Amino acid sequence: VCHGRGVTAIVFDRHGELVLEHTAGATGDAPAWSPSVQEGVGSVSKLPATATFMAAVIDTSKGSLDSELSDILPEVFEVEGAHGGNATVRMLLSHTAGFNDEVYRGQTDCFVRSPYHANHCRAAELAPTLDSCLTQVSRMELQAQPGEQFVYSNNAFLILAAVTERLTGMSFEAALQRYIAEPLGMNSTTYKCPDSGSTAELPF
């Protein structure tokens, strides 16, 4: 593989005791793969994104799974030319809001280079703002009407990040740290690129 791939397997028993830790793989020009290597987690990030939103709702008592986007983000979804304002948070989470992934496929510059899903550090440095991504996504025709059918959508989770920011009054990165990473001791989990290799296409 061009830039290297690896895996670290960690197994705990029912009492929380570590019983196995094994690492295999390589990182191209970088040192051998180790448990300390940071790698972009891709779509696995949808799980902590979901958990962060739910924790924020419980903590702030604002919003709900059935809140509509036009109520949470009216400046984006209640303006002329916008689509999907009647989609709910529940639909975003279940991929039934109808937002397609043309942004992801290259019609615009979001998602692959978004601040919340950069493939590598160089992409993150060039990323557009979340606000500009929201504008682009909301102006695109829906692939299906909200609630009508399953449409896998990465862009729905960009919107979810903005919803979380509106509910908490903090950046999504800060919310993730507060509600998920810090309580679980996930000290290497971050949206920031590591100092080492931050301009190269290396795992982080």
N, C-alpha and C. Protein backbone atom coordinates (compact mmCIF):
# COMPACT_ATOMS: atom_id res chain seq x y z
N VAL A 1 0.86 -1.18 0.00
CA VAL A 1 0.00 0.00 0.00
C VAL A 1 0.89 1.23 0.00
N CYS A 2 0.54 2.23 -0.79
CA CYS A 2 1.40 3.38 -1.02
C CYS A 2 1.89 4.04 0.25
N HIS A 3 0.98 4.43 1.11
CA HIS A 3 1.36 5.18 2.30
C HIS A 3 1.33 4.32 3.57
N GLY A 4 1.13 3.01 3.40
CA GLY A 4 1.20 2.14 4.55
C GLY A 4 -0.14 1.98 5.25
N ARG A 5 -0.37 0.83 5.79
CA ARG A 5 -1.55 0.54 6.57
C ARG A 5 -1.16 -0.40 7.70
N GLY A 6 -1.88 -0.35 8.77
CA GLY A 6 -1.59 -1.23 9.87
C GLY A 6 -2.80 -1.37 10.77
N VAL A 7 -2.65 -2.18 11.77
CA VAL A 7 -3.75 -2.39 12.70
C VAL A 7 -3.19 -2.68 14.08
N THR A 8 -3.87 -2.18 15.09
CA THR A 8 -3.55 -2.51 16.47
C THR A 8 -4.78 -3.15 17.09
N ALA A 9 -4.63 -4.37 17.54
CA ALA A 9 -5.73 -5.10 18.17
C ALA A 9 -5.53 -5.12 19.68
N ILE A 10 -6.56 -4.72 20.40
CA ILE A 10 -6.51 -4.69 21.86
C ILE A 10 -7.73 -5.42 22.40
N VAL A 11 -7.51 -6.38 23.30
CA VAL A 11 -8.60 -7.17 23.85
C VAL A 11 -8.57 -7.09 25.38
N PHE A 12 -9.73 -6.82 25.95
CA PHE A 12 -9.89 -6.79 27.41
C PHE A 12 -10.81 -7.92 27.83
N ASP A 13 -10.62 -8.44 29.03
CA ASP A 13 -11.56 -9.44 29.53
C ASP A 13 -12.74 -8.76 30.20
N ARG A 14 -13.64 -9.55 30.73
CA ARG A 14 -14.87 -9.01 31.31
C ARG A 14 -14.63 -8.13 32.52
N HIS A 15 -13.44 -8.23 33.10
CA HIS A 15 -13.11 -7.41 34.27
C HIS A 15 -12.35 -6.14 33.90
N GLY A 16 -12.16 -5.94 32.61
CA GLY A 16 -11.46 -4.75 32.17
C GLY A 16 -9.96 -4.87 32.14
N GLU A 17 -9.47 -6.10 32.32
CA GLU A 17 -8.02 -6.33 32.30
C GLU A 17 -7.54 -6.55 30.87
N LEU A 18 -6.42 -5.93 30.52
CA LEU A 18 -5.84 -6.10 29.20
C LEU A 18 -5.27 -7.50 29.05
N VAL A 19 -5.72 -8.25 28.05
CA VAL A 19 -5.23 -9.62 27.85
C VAL A 19 -4.46 -9.76 26.54
N LEU A 20 -4.62 -8.83 25.62
CA LEU A 20 -3.89 -8.92 24.36
C LEU A 20 -3.71 -7.54 23.74
N GLU A 21 -2.50 -7.27 23.28
CA GLU A 21 -2.23 -6.08 22.49
C GLU A 21 -1.23 -6.48 21.42
N HIS A 22 -1.65 -6.36 20.16
CA HIS A 22 -0.77 -6.77 19.07
C HIS A 22 -0.87 -5.77 17.93
N THR A 23 0.26 -5.41 17.37
CA THR A 23 0.32 -4.43 16.29
C THR A 23 1.04 -5.03 15.09
N ALA A 24 0.52 -4.75 13.89
CA ALA A 24 1.16 -5.22 12.67
C ALA A 24 0.96 -4.18 11.58
N GLY A 25 1.92 -4.10 10.67
CA GLY A 25 1.78 -3.18 9.54
C GLY A 25 2.95 -2.24 9.43
N ALA A 26 2.88 -1.38 8.42
CA ALA A 26 3.95 -0.42 8.17
C ALA A 26 3.34 0.90 7.75
N THR A 27 4.10 1.97 7.83
CA THR A 27 3.60 3.30 7.50
C THR A 27 4.41 3.95 6.40
N GLY A 28 4.82 3.17 5.40
CA GLY A 28 5.57 3.74 4.29
C GLY A 28 6.92 4.24 4.73
N ASP A 29 7.16 5.54 4.54
CA ASP A 29 8.45 6.12 4.91
C ASP A 29 8.57 6.42 6.40
N ALA A 30 7.45 6.31 7.11
CA ALA A 30 7.44 6.61 8.54
C ALA A 30 7.92 5.38 9.32
N PRO A 31 8.14 5.54 10.63
CA PRO A 31 8.56 4.39 11.44
C PRO A 31 7.49 3.29 11.42
N ALA A 32 7.88 2.10 11.86
CA ALA A 32 6.96 0.96 11.88
C ALA A 32 5.69 1.30 12.64
N TRP A 33 4.61 0.69 12.24
CA TRP A 33 3.32 0.93 12.88
C TRP A 33 3.39 0.56 14.35
N SER A 34 2.78 1.38 15.18
CA SER A 34 2.76 1.12 16.62
C SER A 34 1.43 1.61 17.17
N PRO A 35 1.10 1.25 18.41
CA PRO A 35 -0.16 1.71 18.98
C PRO A 35 -0.28 3.23 19.06
N SER A 36 0.85 3.93 18.96
CA SER A 36 0.81 5.39 19.07
C SER A 36 0.59 6.09 17.74
N VAL A 37 0.59 5.34 16.63
CA VAL A 37 0.36 5.96 15.33
C VAL A 37 -1.09 6.43 15.23
N GLN A 38 -1.28 7.68 14.83
CA GLN A 38 -2.62 8.22 14.67
C GLN A 38 -3.06 8.08 13.21
N GLU A 39 -4.25 7.57 12.99
CA GLU A 39 -4.77 7.32 11.66
C GLU A 39 -6.15 7.94 11.53
N GLY A 40 -6.42 8.53 10.38
CA GLY A 40 -7.76 9.04 10.13
C GLY A 40 -8.76 7.91 10.19
N VAL A 41 -9.86 8.09 10.90
CA VAL A 41 -10.78 6.97 11.16
C VAL A 41 -11.92 6.88 10.16
N GLY A 42 -12.02 7.84 9.23
CA GLY A 42 -13.04 7.74 8.19
C GLY A 42 -14.45 7.69 8.75
N SER A 43 -15.26 6.83 8.17
CA SER A 43 -16.68 6.78 8.53
C SER A 43 -16.93 6.23 9.92
N VAL A 44 -15.90 5.63 10.54
CA VAL A 44 -16.07 5.22 11.94
C VAL A 44 -16.37 6.43 12.80
N SER A 45 -15.96 7.62 12.33
CA SER A 45 -16.21 8.84 13.09
C SER A 45 -17.70 9.15 13.22
N LYS A 46 -18.53 8.50 12.42
CA LYS A 46 -19.98 8.72 12.54
C LYS A 46 -20.51 8.25 13.89
N LEU A 47 -19.87 7.24 14.47
CA LEU A 47 -20.32 6.73 15.77
C LEU A 47 -20.08 7.75 16.88
N PRO A 48 -18.85 8.28 17.05
CA PRO A 48 -18.67 9.31 18.08
C PRO A 48 -19.43 10.59 17.76
N ALA A 49 -19.64 10.88 16.47
CA ALA A 49 -20.43 12.06 16.12
C ALA A 49 -21.85 11.92 16.63
N THR A 50 -22.41 10.74 16.45
CA THR A 50 -23.76 10.46 16.94
C THR A 50 -23.81 10.55 18.46
N ALA A 51 -22.83 9.94 19.11
CA ALA A 51 -22.79 9.94 20.57
C ALA A 51 -22.61 11.35 21.11
N THR A 52 -21.78 12.15 20.42
CA THR A 52 -21.56 13.53 20.86
C THR A 52 -22.85 14.32 20.79
N PHE A 53 -23.58 14.15 19.69
CA PHE A 53 -24.86 14.86 19.57
C PHE A 53 -25.81 14.46 20.68
N MET A 54 -25.95 13.16 20.93
CA MET A 54 -26.89 12.70 21.95
C MET A 54 -26.50 13.21 23.33
N ALA A 55 -25.20 13.20 23.64
CA ALA A 55 -24.73 13.71 24.93
C ALA A 55 -25.03 15.19 25.07
N ALA A 56 -24.86 15.93 23.96
CA ALA A 56 -25.12 17.37 23.99
C ALA A 56 -26.59 17.65 24.24
N VAL A 57 -27.46 16.86 23.61
CA VAL A 57 -28.90 17.05 23.81
C VAL A 57 -29.28 16.80 25.26
N ILE A 58 -28.75 15.72 25.82
CA ILE A 58 -29.06 15.39 27.21
C ILE A 58 -28.53 16.47 28.16
N ASP A 59 -27.32 16.95 27.87
CA ASP A 59 -26.67 17.92 28.77
C ASP A 59 -27.32 19.30 28.70
N THR A 60 -27.70 19.73 27.51
CA THR A 60 -28.22 21.09 27.34
C THR A 60 -29.74 21.16 27.38
N SER A 61 -30.41 20.00 27.27
CA SER A 61 -31.88 19.97 27.21
C SER A 61 -32.41 20.80 26.05
N LYS A 62 -31.62 20.88 24.98
CA LYS A 62 -32.04 21.60 23.78
C LYS A 62 -32.15 20.62 22.63
N GLY A 63 -33.15 20.86 21.78
CA GLY A 63 -33.29 20.03 20.61
C GLY A 63 -33.77 18.64 20.95
N SER A 64 -34.05 17.87 19.91
CA SER A 64 -34.46 16.48 20.07
C SER A 64 -34.23 15.78 18.74
N LEU A 65 -34.41 14.48 18.75
CA LEU A 65 -34.23 13.72 17.51
C LEU A 65 -35.22 14.16 16.44
N ASP A 66 -36.36 14.69 16.84
CA ASP A 66 -37.38 15.07 15.87
C ASP A 66 -37.42 16.57 15.60
N SER A 67 -36.40 17.30 16.03
CA SER A 67 -36.28 18.71 15.68
C SER A 67 -35.96 18.84 14.19
N GLU A 68 -36.60 19.78 13.52
CA GLU A 68 -36.35 19.99 12.09
C GLU A 68 -35.19 20.96 11.88
N LEU A 69 -34.50 20.78 10.79
CA LEU A 69 -33.34 21.62 10.50
C LEU A 69 -33.72 23.08 10.35
N SER A 70 -34.90 23.35 9.83
CA SER A 70 -35.33 24.74 9.67
C SER A 70 -35.51 25.43 11.01
N ASP A 71 -35.76 24.65 12.06
CA ASP A 71 -35.91 25.24 13.40
C ASP A 71 -34.55 25.44 14.08
N ILE A 72 -33.61 24.53 13.80
CA ILE A 72 -32.31 24.60 14.46
C ILE A 72 -31.36 25.54 13.73
N LEU A 73 -31.39 25.49 12.40
CA LEU A 73 -30.48 26.30 11.57
C LEU A 73 -31.29 27.08 10.54
N PRO A 74 -32.17 27.99 11.00
CA PRO A 74 -33.04 28.70 10.05
C PRO A 74 -32.29 29.55 9.04
N GLU A 75 -31.13 30.07 9.43
CA GLU A 75 -30.37 30.92 8.51
C GLU A 75 -29.82 30.14 7.33
N VAL A 76 -29.81 28.81 7.45
CA VAL A 76 -29.34 27.95 6.36
C VAL A 76 -30.50 27.29 5.62
N PHE A 77 -31.47 26.78 6.36
CA PHE A 77 -32.51 25.96 5.76
C PHE A 77 -33.87 26.64 5.61
N GLU A 78 -33.98 27.90 6.02
CA GLU A 78 -35.24 28.62 5.83
C GLU A 78 -35.07 29.79 4.89
N VAL A 79 -34.16 29.69 3.96
CA VAL A 79 -33.92 30.76 3.00
C VAL A 79 -34.27 30.26 1.61
N GLU A 80 -34.48 31.18 0.69
CA GLU A 80 -34.84 30.82 -0.67
C GLU A 80 -33.73 29.98 -1.31
N GLY A 81 -34.14 28.90 -1.95
CA GLY A 81 -33.18 28.04 -2.63
C GLY A 81 -32.64 26.90 -1.79
N ALA A 82 -33.00 26.87 -0.51
CA ALA A 82 -32.51 25.81 0.36
C ALA A 82 -33.42 24.58 0.26
N HIS A 83 -32.83 23.42 0.49
CA HIS A 83 -33.58 22.15 0.46
C HIS A 83 -33.34 21.39 1.75
N GLY A 84 -34.34 20.61 2.16
CA GLY A 84 -34.18 19.73 3.31
C GLY A 84 -34.50 20.33 4.65
N GLY A 85 -35.12 21.49 4.67
CA GLY A 85 -35.42 22.12 5.96
C GLY A 85 -36.36 21.33 6.84
N ASN A 86 -37.19 20.49 6.23
CA ASN A 86 -38.13 19.69 7.02
C ASN A 86 -37.53 18.35 7.44
N ALA A 87 -36.27 18.10 7.12
CA ALA A 87 -35.60 16.89 7.60
C ALA A 87 -35.32 17.03 9.09
N THR A 88 -35.38 15.93 9.79
CA THR A 88 -35.14 15.95 11.23
C THR A 88 -33.77 15.37 11.55
N VAL A 89 -33.33 15.59 12.77
CA VAL A 89 -32.06 15.02 13.23
C VAL A 89 -32.12 13.49 13.16
N ARG A 90 -33.26 12.92 13.51
CA ARG A 90 -33.41 11.47 13.44
C ARG A 90 -33.14 10.96 12.02
N MET A 91 -33.61 11.71 11.03
CA MET A 91 -33.38 11.33 9.64
C MET A 91 -31.91 11.45 9.25
N LEU A 92 -31.25 12.49 9.77
CA LEU A 92 -29.81 12.62 9.50
C LEU A 92 -29.07 11.39 10.00
N LEU A 93 -29.38 10.99 11.22
CA LEU A 93 -28.68 9.88 11.86
C LEU A 93 -28.97 8.54 11.19
N SER A 94 -30.16 8.39 10.60
CA SER A 94 -30.55 7.12 9.99
C SER A 94 -30.40 7.13 8.47
N HIS A 95 -29.77 8.17 7.92
CA HIS A 95 -29.55 8.28 6.48
C HIS A 95 -30.86 8.27 5.70
N THR A 96 -31.87 8.91 6.24
CA THR A 96 -33.15 9.01 5.53
C THR A 96 -33.56 10.47 5.30
N ALA A 97 -32.61 11.40 5.44
CA ALA A 97 -32.93 12.82 5.25
C ALA A 97 -32.96 13.20 3.78
N GLY A 98 -32.38 12.38 2.92
CA GLY A 98 -32.45 12.64 1.48
C GLY A 98 -31.29 13.40 0.90
N PHE A 99 -30.34 13.84 1.73
CA PHE A 99 -29.19 14.59 1.21
C PHE A 99 -28.27 13.64 0.46
N ASN A 100 -27.91 14.02 -0.76
CA ASN A 100 -27.03 13.14 -1.53
C ASN A 100 -25.57 13.49 -1.26
N ASP A 101 -24.69 12.76 -1.90
CA ASP A 101 -23.26 12.93 -1.65
C ASP A 101 -22.52 13.47 -2.86
N GLU A 102 -23.19 14.27 -3.69
CA GLU A 102 -22.50 14.85 -4.83
C GLU A 102 -21.35 15.76 -4.39
N VAL A 103 -21.50 16.39 -3.21
CA VAL A 103 -20.40 17.19 -2.68
C VAL A 103 -19.19 16.29 -2.46
N TYR A 104 -19.45 15.14 -1.89
CA TYR A 104 -18.37 14.18 -1.62
C TYR A 104 -17.73 13.71 -2.92
N ARG A 105 -18.53 13.57 -3.97
CA ARG A 105 -18.02 13.03 -5.22
C ARG A 105 -17.34 14.07 -6.08
N GLY A 106 -17.28 15.31 -5.62
CA GLY A 106 -16.48 16.28 -6.32
C GLY A 106 -17.22 17.44 -6.95
N GLN A 107 -18.55 17.52 -6.79
CA GLN A 107 -19.28 18.63 -7.37
C GLN A 107 -18.87 19.94 -6.72
N THR A 108 -18.59 19.89 -5.43
CA THR A 108 -18.09 21.06 -4.72
C THR A 108 -16.87 20.64 -3.91
N ASP A 109 -16.37 21.53 -3.08
CA ASP A 109 -15.09 21.26 -2.41
C ASP A 109 -15.23 20.78 -0.98
N CYS A 110 -16.43 20.35 -0.58
CA CYS A 110 -16.62 19.93 0.81
C CYS A 110 -16.44 18.43 0.98
N PHE A 111 -16.54 18.02 2.21
CA PHE A 111 -16.44 16.66 2.72
C PHE A 111 -15.03 16.10 2.62
N VAL A 112 -14.53 15.79 1.42
CA VAL A 112 -13.18 15.23 1.34
C VAL A 112 -12.19 16.21 1.94
N ARG A 113 -12.45 17.51 1.78
CA ARG A 113 -11.57 18.52 2.35
C ARG A 113 -12.28 19.29 3.46
N SER A 114 -13.31 18.70 4.05
CA SER A 114 -14.03 19.41 5.09
C SER A 114 -13.24 19.42 6.39
N PRO A 115 -13.53 20.38 7.28
CA PRO A 115 -12.80 20.42 8.55
C PRO A 115 -13.09 19.23 9.45
N TYR A 116 -14.14 18.46 9.15
CA TYR A 116 -14.50 17.35 10.02
C TYR A 116 -14.31 15.99 9.38
N HIS A 117 -13.70 15.96 8.19
CA HIS A 117 -13.49 14.64 7.59
C HIS A 117 -12.35 14.71 6.58
N ALA A 118 -11.27 15.40 6.92
CA ALA A 118 -10.13 15.48 6.01
C ALA A 118 -9.43 14.13 5.94
N ASN A 119 -9.03 13.73 4.74
CA ASN A 119 -8.34 12.46 4.58
C ASN A 119 -6.91 12.51 5.09
N HIS A 120 -6.29 13.68 5.07
CA HIS A 120 -4.94 13.83 5.58
C HIS A 120 -4.73 15.29 5.93
N CYS A 121 -3.58 15.60 6.48
CA CYS A 121 -3.38 16.92 7.05
C CYS A 121 -3.38 18.04 6.02
N ARG A 122 -2.83 17.75 4.85
CA ARG A 122 -2.81 18.79 3.83
C ARG A 122 -4.24 19.19 3.47
N ALA A 123 -5.12 18.20 3.39
CA ALA A 123 -6.51 18.48 3.09
C ALA A 123 -7.14 19.33 4.18
N ALA A 124 -6.82 19.01 5.43
CA ALA A 124 -7.39 19.77 6.54
C ALA A 124 -6.97 21.23 6.50
N GLU A 125 -5.72 21.47 6.10
CA GLU A 125 -5.22 22.83 6.05
C GLU A 125 -5.92 23.66 4.98
N LEU A 126 -6.40 23.00 3.92
CA LEU A 126 -7.04 23.69 2.81
C LEU A 126 -8.56 23.68 2.92
N ALA A 127 -9.07 23.13 4.00
CA ALA A 127 -10.50 22.88 4.10
C ALA A 127 -11.34 24.15 4.12
N PRO A 128 -12.51 24.11 3.49
CA PRO A 128 -13.46 25.21 3.61
C PRO A 128 -14.08 25.20 5.00
N THR A 129 -14.78 26.25 5.32
CA THR A 129 -15.42 26.30 6.64
C THR A 129 -16.68 25.45 6.64
N LEU A 130 -17.11 25.07 7.84
CA LEU A 130 -18.34 24.31 7.97
C LEU A 130 -19.52 25.12 7.44
N ASP A 131 -19.54 26.42 7.68
CA ASP A 131 -20.63 27.26 7.19
C ASP A 131 -20.73 27.22 5.67
N SER A 132 -19.59 27.28 4.99
CA SER A 132 -19.64 27.25 3.54
C SER A 132 -20.09 25.88 3.03
N CYS A 133 -19.70 24.83 3.75
CA CYS A 133 -20.16 23.49 3.37
C CYS A 133 -21.66 23.37 3.53
N LEU A 134 -22.19 23.90 4.62
CA LEU A 134 -23.63 23.84 4.85
C LEU A 134 -24.39 24.54 3.74
N THR A 135 -23.90 25.70 3.33
CA THR A 135 -24.55 26.44 2.26
C THR A 135 -24.58 25.63 0.98
N GLN A 136 -23.44 25.01 0.65
CA GLN A 136 -23.37 24.21 -0.57
C GLN A 136 -24.32 23.02 -0.51
N VAL A 137 -24.32 22.32 0.61
CA VAL A 137 -25.17 21.13 0.75
C VAL A 137 -26.65 21.50 0.70
N SER A 138 -27.02 22.57 1.37
CA SER A 138 -28.44 22.96 1.44
C SER A 138 -28.98 23.45 0.11
N ARG A 139 -28.11 23.87 -0.79
CA ARG A 139 -28.57 24.38 -2.09
C ARG A 139 -28.68 23.29 -3.14
N MET A 140 -28.26 22.10 -2.83
CA MET A 140 -28.32 20.99 -3.78
C MET A 140 -29.68 20.31 -3.73
N GLU A 141 -30.16 19.85 -4.89
CA GLU A 141 -31.41 19.10 -4.93
C GLU A 141 -31.26 17.83 -4.10
N LEU A 142 -32.31 17.48 -3.38
CA LEU A 142 -32.29 16.27 -2.59
C LEU A 142 -32.35 15.04 -3.50
N GLN A 143 -31.75 13.96 -3.05
CA GLN A 143 -31.85 12.71 -3.79
C GLN A 143 -33.19 12.05 -3.54
N ALA A 144 -33.76 12.31 -2.39
CA ALA A 144 -35.09 11.81 -2.03
C ALA A 144 -35.69 12.77 -1.02
N GLN A 145 -37.00 12.80 -0.93
CA GLN A 145 -37.65 13.65 0.05
C GLN A 145 -37.38 13.11 1.45
N PRO A 146 -37.21 14.01 2.43
CA PRO A 146 -36.91 13.57 3.80
C PRO A 146 -37.90 12.52 4.31
N GLY A 147 -37.35 11.43 4.82
CA GLY A 147 -38.17 10.39 5.42
C GLY A 147 -38.70 9.35 4.45
N GLU A 148 -38.44 9.52 3.15
CA GLU A 148 -39.04 8.62 2.17
C GLU A 148 -38.22 7.35 1.93
N GLN A 149 -36.89 7.46 1.93
CA GLN A 149 -36.08 6.29 1.65
C GLN A 149 -34.68 6.43 2.22
N PHE A 150 -33.97 5.31 2.27
CA PHE A 150 -32.60 5.31 2.77
C PHE A 150 -31.67 5.84 1.68
N VAL A 151 -30.89 6.87 2.03
CA VAL A 151 -29.88 7.43 1.13
C VAL A 151 -28.63 7.67 1.97
N TYR A 152 -27.64 6.79 1.82
CA TYR A 152 -26.43 6.95 2.63
C TYR A 152 -25.82 8.32 2.36
N SER A 153 -25.57 9.08 3.40
CA SER A 153 -25.14 10.46 3.22
C SER A 153 -24.07 10.87 4.20
N ASN A 154 -22.88 11.10 3.68
CA ASN A 154 -21.82 11.69 4.50
C ASN A 154 -22.16 13.12 4.86
N ASN A 155 -22.80 13.82 3.93
CA ASN A 155 -23.11 15.22 4.16
C ASN A 155 -24.08 15.42 5.32
N ALA A 156 -24.91 14.42 5.59
CA ALA A 156 -25.82 14.52 6.72
C ALA A 156 -25.05 14.71 8.02
N PHE A 157 -23.84 14.16 8.09
CA PHE A 157 -23.06 14.27 9.31
C PHE A 157 -22.30 15.59 9.39
N LEU A 158 -22.09 16.23 8.25
CA LEU A 158 -21.61 17.61 8.30
C LEU A 158 -22.68 18.49 8.94
N ILE A 159 -23.93 18.26 8.52
CA ILE A 159 -25.04 19.02 9.08
C ILE A 159 -25.17 18.72 10.58
N LEU A 160 -25.00 17.46 10.96
CA LEU A 160 -25.09 17.08 12.37
C LEU A 160 -24.05 17.81 13.20
N ALA A 161 -22.85 18.00 12.63
CA ALA A 161 -21.81 18.74 13.35
C ALA A 161 -22.28 20.16 13.63
N ALA A 162 -22.91 20.79 12.64
CA ALA A 162 -23.41 22.16 12.82
C ALA A 162 -24.55 22.20 13.84
N VAL A 163 -25.40 21.19 13.82
CA VAL A 163 -26.49 21.12 14.80
C VAL A 163 -25.93 21.01 16.21
N THR A 164 -24.91 20.18 16.38
CA THR A 164 -24.28 20.02 17.69
C THR A 164 -23.67 21.33 18.16
N GLU A 165 -23.02 22.04 17.24
CA GLU A 165 -22.43 23.34 17.60
C GLU A 165 -23.50 24.32 18.05
N ARG A 166 -24.64 24.32 17.35
CA ARG A 166 -25.71 25.25 17.72
C ARG A 166 -26.27 24.90 19.09
N LEU A 167 -26.43 23.64 19.39
CA LEU A 167 -26.99 23.23 20.68
C LEU A 167 -26.06 23.54 21.84
N THR A 168 -24.76 23.32 21.63
CA THR A 168 -23.81 23.43 22.74
C THR A 168 -23.16 24.80 22.85
N GLY A 169 -23.15 25.56 21.75
CA GLY A 169 -22.45 26.84 21.77
C GLY A 169 -20.95 26.69 21.73
N MET A 170 -20.46 25.52 21.35
CA MET A 170 -19.02 25.29 21.22
C MET A 170 -18.75 24.60 19.89
N SER A 171 -17.49 24.57 19.49
CA SER A 171 -17.15 23.89 18.25
C SER A 171 -17.41 22.40 18.40
N PHE A 172 -17.61 21.72 17.26
CA PHE A 172 -17.86 20.29 17.33
C PHE A 172 -16.65 19.57 17.91
N GLU A 173 -15.47 20.03 17.57
CA GLU A 173 -14.25 19.43 18.12
C GLU A 173 -14.24 19.53 19.65
N ALA A 174 -14.60 20.71 20.16
CA ALA A 174 -14.63 20.90 21.62
C ALA A 174 -15.70 20.03 22.26
N ALA A 175 -16.85 19.90 21.58
CA ALA A 175 -17.93 19.06 22.10
C ALA A 175 -17.51 17.60 22.15
N LEU A 176 -16.84 17.13 21.10
CA LEU A 176 -16.36 15.76 21.08
C LEU A 176 -15.40 15.50 22.24
N GLN A 177 -14.49 16.45 22.48
CA GLN A 177 -13.54 16.29 23.58
C GLN A 177 -14.26 16.26 24.92
N ARG A 178 -15.22 17.16 25.09
CA ARG A 178 -15.91 17.27 26.39
C ARG A 178 -16.77 16.05 26.70
N TYR A 179 -17.55 15.61 25.71
CA TYR A 179 -18.54 14.58 25.97
C TYR A 179 -18.04 13.16 25.75
N ILE A 180 -17.03 12.99 24.90
CA ILE A 180 -16.60 11.64 24.54
C ILE A 180 -15.14 11.38 24.89
N ALA A 181 -14.22 12.13 24.29
CA ALA A 181 -12.80 11.81 24.41
C ALA A 181 -12.28 11.93 25.84
N GLU A 182 -12.55 13.05 26.50
CA GLU A 182 -12.02 13.24 27.85
C GLU A 182 -12.59 12.26 28.86
N PRO A 183 -13.92 12.06 28.91
CA PRO A 183 -14.45 11.10 29.89
C PRO A 183 -13.93 9.68 29.69
N LEU A 184 -13.63 9.30 28.43
CA LEU A 184 -13.17 7.95 28.15
C LEU A 184 -11.65 7.83 28.12
N GLY A 185 -10.96 8.93 28.39
CA GLY A 185 -9.50 8.89 28.40
C GLY A 185 -8.90 8.68 27.03
N MET A 186 -9.58 9.15 25.98
CA MET A 186 -9.10 8.99 24.60
C MET A 186 -8.14 10.15 24.29
N ASN A 187 -6.95 10.06 24.83
CA ASN A 187 -6.01 11.18 24.78
C ASN A 187 -5.40 11.41 23.40
N SER A 188 -5.48 10.44 22.51
CA SER A 188 -4.91 10.59 21.18
C SER A 188 -5.97 10.90 20.13
N THR A 189 -7.22 11.02 20.55
CA THR A 189 -8.31 11.28 19.62
C THR A 189 -8.47 12.78 19.44
N THR A 190 -8.35 13.26 18.21
CA THR A 190 -8.39 14.70 17.97
C THR A 190 -8.71 14.98 16.52
N TYR A 191 -9.15 16.22 16.24
CA TYR A 191 -9.32 16.67 14.86
C TYR A 191 -8.08 17.41 14.39
N LYS A 192 -7.15 17.63 15.28
CA LYS A 192 -5.92 18.32 14.91
C LYS A 192 -4.91 17.32 14.34
N CYS A 193 -4.19 17.74 13.32
CA CYS A 193 -3.14 16.88 12.79
C CYS A 193 -1.96 16.87 13.74
N PRO A 194 -1.26 15.74 13.85
CA PRO A 194 -0.10 15.68 14.74
C PRO A 194 1.02 16.56 14.20
N ASP A 195 1.92 16.97 15.08
CA ASP A 195 3.04 17.81 14.67
C ASP A 195 3.94 17.10 13.68
N SER A 196 4.12 15.81 13.87
CA SER A 196 5.01 15.05 13.00
C SER A 196 4.28 14.64 11.73
N GLY A 197 4.85 14.99 10.57
CA GLY A 197 4.26 14.58 9.30
C GLY A 197 2.97 15.29 8.96
N SER A 198 2.78 16.49 9.49
CA SER A 198 1.50 17.16 9.32
C SER A 198 1.25 17.69 7.92
N THR A 199 2.27 17.66 7.06
CA THR A 199 2.08 18.12 5.69
C THR A 199 2.22 16.98 4.70
N ALA A 200 2.30 15.76 5.18
CA ALA A 200 2.45 14.61 4.30
C ALA A 200 1.23 13.69 4.39
N GLU A 201 1.03 12.87 3.36
CA GLU A 201 -0.09 11.96 3.36
C GLU A 201 0.26 10.71 4.15
N LEU A 202 0.43 10.90 5.44
CA LEU A 202 0.76 9.79 6.33
C LEU A 202 -0.37 9.60 7.32
N PRO A 203 -0.49 8.40 7.90
CA PRO A 203 -1.54 8.16 8.89
C PRO A 203 -1.43 9.15 10.05
N PHE A 204 -2.56 9.53 10.61
CA PHE A 204 -2.54 10.40 11.78
C PHE A 204 -3.76 10.13 12.64
